């Protein structure tokens, strides 16, 4: 599977101590997320990626955990699965 982040300007990030609020301009929804989510979104902003490519960008060997986060982000609409 290939994953893609929304186009630039669609998501608005606001850091709130250890969490981040992400406002999605398309849906009007605000998501309160842990630090790993903005990191994943930044890595996907470099371009579409499969799980292996994204794991390399993030410098992680935790493929199962990353796949779980991508499933969650896809379900919330913050990441698109192609």
Protein backbone atom coordinates (compact mmCIF):
# COMPACT_ATOMS: atom_id res chain seq x y z
CA UNK A 1 0.00 0.00 0.00
CA UNK A 2 1.03 3.56 -0.67
CA UNK A 3 0.28 6.37 1.79
CA UNK A 4 -0.08 10.07 1.10
CA UNK A 5 -0.41 13.12 3.35
CA UNK A 6 -2.89 15.88 2.47
CA UNK A 7 -1.66 18.72 0.26
CA UNK A 8 0.22 21.55 1.92
CA UNK A 9 -2.05 23.98 3.74
CA UNK A 10 -4.89 21.51 4.41
CA UNK A 11 -3.81 20.67 7.97
CA UNK A 12 -3.06 23.28 10.62
CA UNK A 13 -0.80 22.11 13.48
CA UNK A 14 -0.75 23.75 16.93
CA UNK A 15 1.64 22.39 19.55
CA UNK A 16 0.04 21.96 23.00
CA UNK A 17 2.76 20.92 25.43
CA UNK A 18 3.29 17.18 24.74
CA UNK A 19 0.37 16.89 22.32
CA UNK A 20 -0.49 18.53 18.99
CA UNK A 21 -3.88 19.74 17.80
CA UNK A 22 -4.35 19.22 14.06
CA UNK A 23 -7.19 21.08 12.38
CA UNK A 24 -8.30 19.57 9.06
CA UNK A 25 -9.66 22.37 6.89
CA UNK A 26 -11.47 19.89 4.61
CA UNK A 27 -13.61 18.27 7.30
CA UNK A 28 -13.54 20.98 9.96
CA UNK A 29 -12.42 18.35 12.48
CA UNK A 30 -9.72 18.91 15.07
CA UNK A 31 -7.61 15.95 16.15
CA UNK A 32 -5.56 15.88 19.35
CA UNK A 33 -2.57 13.63 18.66
CA UNK A 34 0.67 12.38 20.19
CA UNK A 35 4.05 13.58 18.90
CA UNK A 36 4.50 10.64 16.53
CA UNK A 37 1.64 11.81 14.28
CA UNK A 38 3.17 15.14 13.18
CA UNK A 39 6.44 13.27 12.64
CA UNK A 40 4.72 10.77 10.34
CA UNK A 41 2.91 13.56 8.49
CA UNK A 42 6.19 15.45 7.98
CA UNK A 43 7.80 12.31 6.57
CA UNK A 44 4.86 11.82 4.20
CA UNK A 45 5.06 15.44 3.10
CA UNK A 46 8.29 14.41 1.32
CA UNK A 47 6.09 12.39 -1.03
CA UNK A 48 3.94 9.29 -1.22
CA UNK A 49 5.48 6.23 0.41
CA UNK A 50 4.91 2.60 1.17
CA UNK A 51 5.51 1.24 4.67
CA UNK A 52 9.16 0.35 4.03
CA UNK A 53 10.00 3.75 2.52
CA UNK A 54 8.26 5.59 5.32
CA UNK A 55 10.02 3.50 7.98
CA UNK A 56 13.38 4.40 6.39
CA UNK A 57 12.47 8.10 6.35
CA UNK A 58 11.57 7.88 10.03
CA UNK A 59 14.62 5.79 10.90
CA UNK A 60 12.58 3.07 12.60
CA UNK A 61 12.47 -0.71 12.53
CA UNK A 62 9.05 -0.76 14.21
CA UNK A 63 7.04 -1.73 11.11
CA UNK A 64 4.06 -3.19 13.03
CA UNK A 65 3.63 -0.09 15.22
CA UNK A 66 4.03 2.18 12.19
CA UNK A 67 1.43 0.18 10.24
CA UNK A 68 -0.96 0.50 13.20
CA UNK A 69 -0.48 4.30 13.31
CA UNK A 70 -1.03 4.52 9.55
CA UNK A 71 -4.27 2.55 9.89
CA UNK A 72 -5.43 4.99 12.59
CA UNK A 73 -4.44 8.02 10.53
CA UNK A 74 -6.22 6.62 7.50
CA UNK A 75 -9.37 6.02 9.56
CA UNK A 76 -9.35 9.64 10.78
CA UNK A 77 -8.71 10.99 7.28
CA UNK A 78 -5.34 12.55 8.09
CA UNK A 79 -3.58 10.14 5.71
CA UNK A 80 -4.85 8.70 2.45
CA UNK A 81 -4.19 5.11 1.41
CA UNK A 82 -3.78 4.60 -2.35
